[in-house]
Amino acid sequence: MNKILVTGAAGYIGGTFAYEVLKKGFIVHGIDSFINSNRNIIDIFSKDFRRNDSRFLHWTTKQTGKF
């Protein structure tokens, strides 16, 4: 089974893409910071694709004000 990494997996574009590849049988490893997205999309993925080994991670960054 093919695996794919999706950044922004809970956003509109990343979520739509992740959902479509999940329907095609891919295992999705999704990362999202949830700054401009909705955690509910991950619940939908989990409900619709229970038997899939996909994982979705909450990516956090510590902002220090320095670049």
C-alpha atoms as a PDB file:
ATOM      1  CA  MET A   1       0.000   0.000   0.000  1.00  0.00           C
ATOM      2  CA  ASN A   2       1.325   3.460  -0.918  1.00  0.00           C
ATOM      3  CA  LYS A   3       1.980   6.077   1.730  1.00  0.00           C
ATOM      4  CA  ILE A   4       1.856   9.833   1.336  1.00  0.00           C
ATOM      5  CA  LEU A   5       2.696  12.804   3.573  1.00  0.00           C
ATOM      6  CA  VAL A   6       0.244  15.726   3.503  1.00  0.00           C
ATOM      7  CA  THR A   7       1.123  19.003   5.175  1.00  0.00           C
ATOM      8  CA  GLY A   8      -1.833  21.163   6.116  1.00  0.00           C
ATOM      9  CA  ALA A   9      -3.986  18.019   6.194  1.00  0.00           C
ATOM     10  CA  ALA A  10      -6.818  19.659   8.145  1.00  0.00           C
ATOM     11  CA  GLY A  11      -7.055  22.726   5.915  1.00  0.00           C
ATOM     12  CA  TYR A  12      -9.227  23.104   2.837  1.00  0.00           C
ATOM     13  CA  ILE A  13      -6.717  22.106   0.147  1.00  0.00           C
ATOM     14  CA  GLY A  14      -4.735  19.600   2.223  1.00  0.00           C
ATOM     15  CA  GLY A  15      -7.905  18.087   3.685  1.00  0.00           C
ATOM     16  CA  THR A  16      -9.528  17.680   0.286  1.00  0.00           C
ATOM     17  CA  PHE A  17      -6.372  16.126  -1.115  1.00  0.00           C
ATOM     18  CA  ALA A  18      -5.979  13.798   1.885  1.00  0.00           C
ATOM     19  CA  TYR A  19      -9.604  12.693   1.629  1.00  0.00           C
ATOM     20  CA  GLU A  20      -9.280  11.905  -2.085  1.00  0.00           C
ATOM     21  CA  VAL A  21      -6.099   9.852  -1.692  1.00  0.00           C
ATOM     22  CA  LEU A  22      -7.607   8.037   1.292  1.00  0.00           C
ATOM     23  CA  LYS A  23     -10.513   7.047  -0.982  1.00  0.00           C
ATOM     24  CA  LYS A  24      -7.950   5.630  -3.423  1.00  0.00           C
ATOM     25  CA  GLY A  25      -6.437   3.452  -0.686  1.00  0.00           C
ATOM     26  CA  PHE A  26      -3.331   5.437   0.236  1.00  0.00           C
ATOM     27  CA  ILE A  27      -2.057   5.581   3.794  1.00  0.00           C
ATOM     28  CA  VAL A  28      -1.903   9.265   4.716  1.00  0.00           C
ATOM     29  CA  HIS A  29       0.461  10.775   7.249  1.00  0.00           C
ATOM     30  CA  GLY A  30      -0.955  14.247   7.799  1.00  0.00           C
ATOM     31  CA  ILE A  31       0.604  17.159   9.630  1.00  0.00           C
ATOM     32  CA  ASP A  32      -1.189  20.350  10.595  1.00  0.00           C
ATOM     33  CA  SER A  33      -0.668  23.207  13.055  1.00  0.00           C
ATOM     34  CA  PHE A  34      -4.447  23.865  13.252  1.00  0.00           C
ATOM     35  CA  ILE A  35      -3.838  27.607  13.101  1.00  0.00           C
ATOM     36  CA  ASN A  36      -6.116  28.131  10.085  1.00  0.00           C
ATOM     37  CA  SER A  37      -7.865  24.781   9.993  1.00  0.00           C
ATOM     38  CA  ASN A  38     -10.420  22.676  11.813  1.00  0.00           C
ATOM     39  CA  ARG A  39      -9.678  19.620  13.951  1.00  0.00           C
ATOM     40  CA  ASN A  40     -13.102  18.185  13.066  1.00  0.00           C
ATOM     41  CA  ILE A  41     -11.805  17.174   9.631  1.00  0.00           C
ATOM     42  CA  ILE A  42      -9.505  14.658  11.343  1.00  0.00           C
ATOM     43  CA  ASP A  43     -12.527  13.128  13.101  1.00  0.00           C
ATOM     44  CA  ILE A  44     -14.228  12.761   9.719  1.00  0.00           C
ATOM     45  CA  PHE A  45     -11.149  10.997   8.305  1.00  0.00           C
ATOM     46  CA  SER A  46     -11.038   8.683  11.310  1.00  0.00           C
ATOM     47  CA  LYS A  47     -14.724   7.793  10.997  1.00  0.00           C
ATOM     48  CA  ASP A  48     -14.726   7.290   7.216  1.00  0.00           C
ATOM     49  CA  PHE A  49     -11.430   5.380   7.018  1.00  0.00           C
ATOM     50  CA  ARG A  50     -11.295   3.321  10.232  1.00  0.00           C
ATOM     51  CA  ARG A  51      -9.313   0.419   8.803  1.00  0.00           C
ATOM     52  CA  ASN A  52      -6.616   2.599   7.277  1.00  0.00           C
ATOM     53  CA  ASP A  53      -3.252   2.967   9.063  1.00  0.00           C
ATOM     54  CA  SER A  54      -3.187   6.723   8.467  1.00  0.00           C
ATOM     55  CA  ARG A  55      -1.854   9.081  11.132  1.00  0.00           C
ATOM     56  CA  PHE A  56      -2.518  12.777  11.692  1.00  0.00           C
ATOM     57  CA  LEU A  57      -0.178  14.839  13.827  1.00  0.00           C
ATOM     58  CA  HIS A  58      -0.535  18.238  15.460  1.00  0.00           C
ATOM     59  CA  TRP A  59       2.535  20.239  14.491  1.00  0.00           C
ATOM     60  CA  THR A  60       3.487  22.934  16.979  1.00  0.00           C
ATOM     61  CA  THR A  61       6.104  25.604  16.658  1.00  0.00           C
ATOM     62  CA  LYS A  62       7.458  27.767  19.402  1.00  0.00           C
ATOM     63  CA  GLN A  63       7.523  31.372  18.304  1.00  0.00           C
ATOM     64  CA  THR A  64      10.431  33.263  19.779  1.00  0.00           C
ATOM     65  CA  GLY A  65      10.181  36.459  17.755  1.00  0.00           C
ATOM     66  CA  LYS A  66      13.632  35.755  16.271  1.00  0.00           C
ATOM     67  CA  PHE A  67      14.356  34.681  12.716  1.00  0.00           C
END
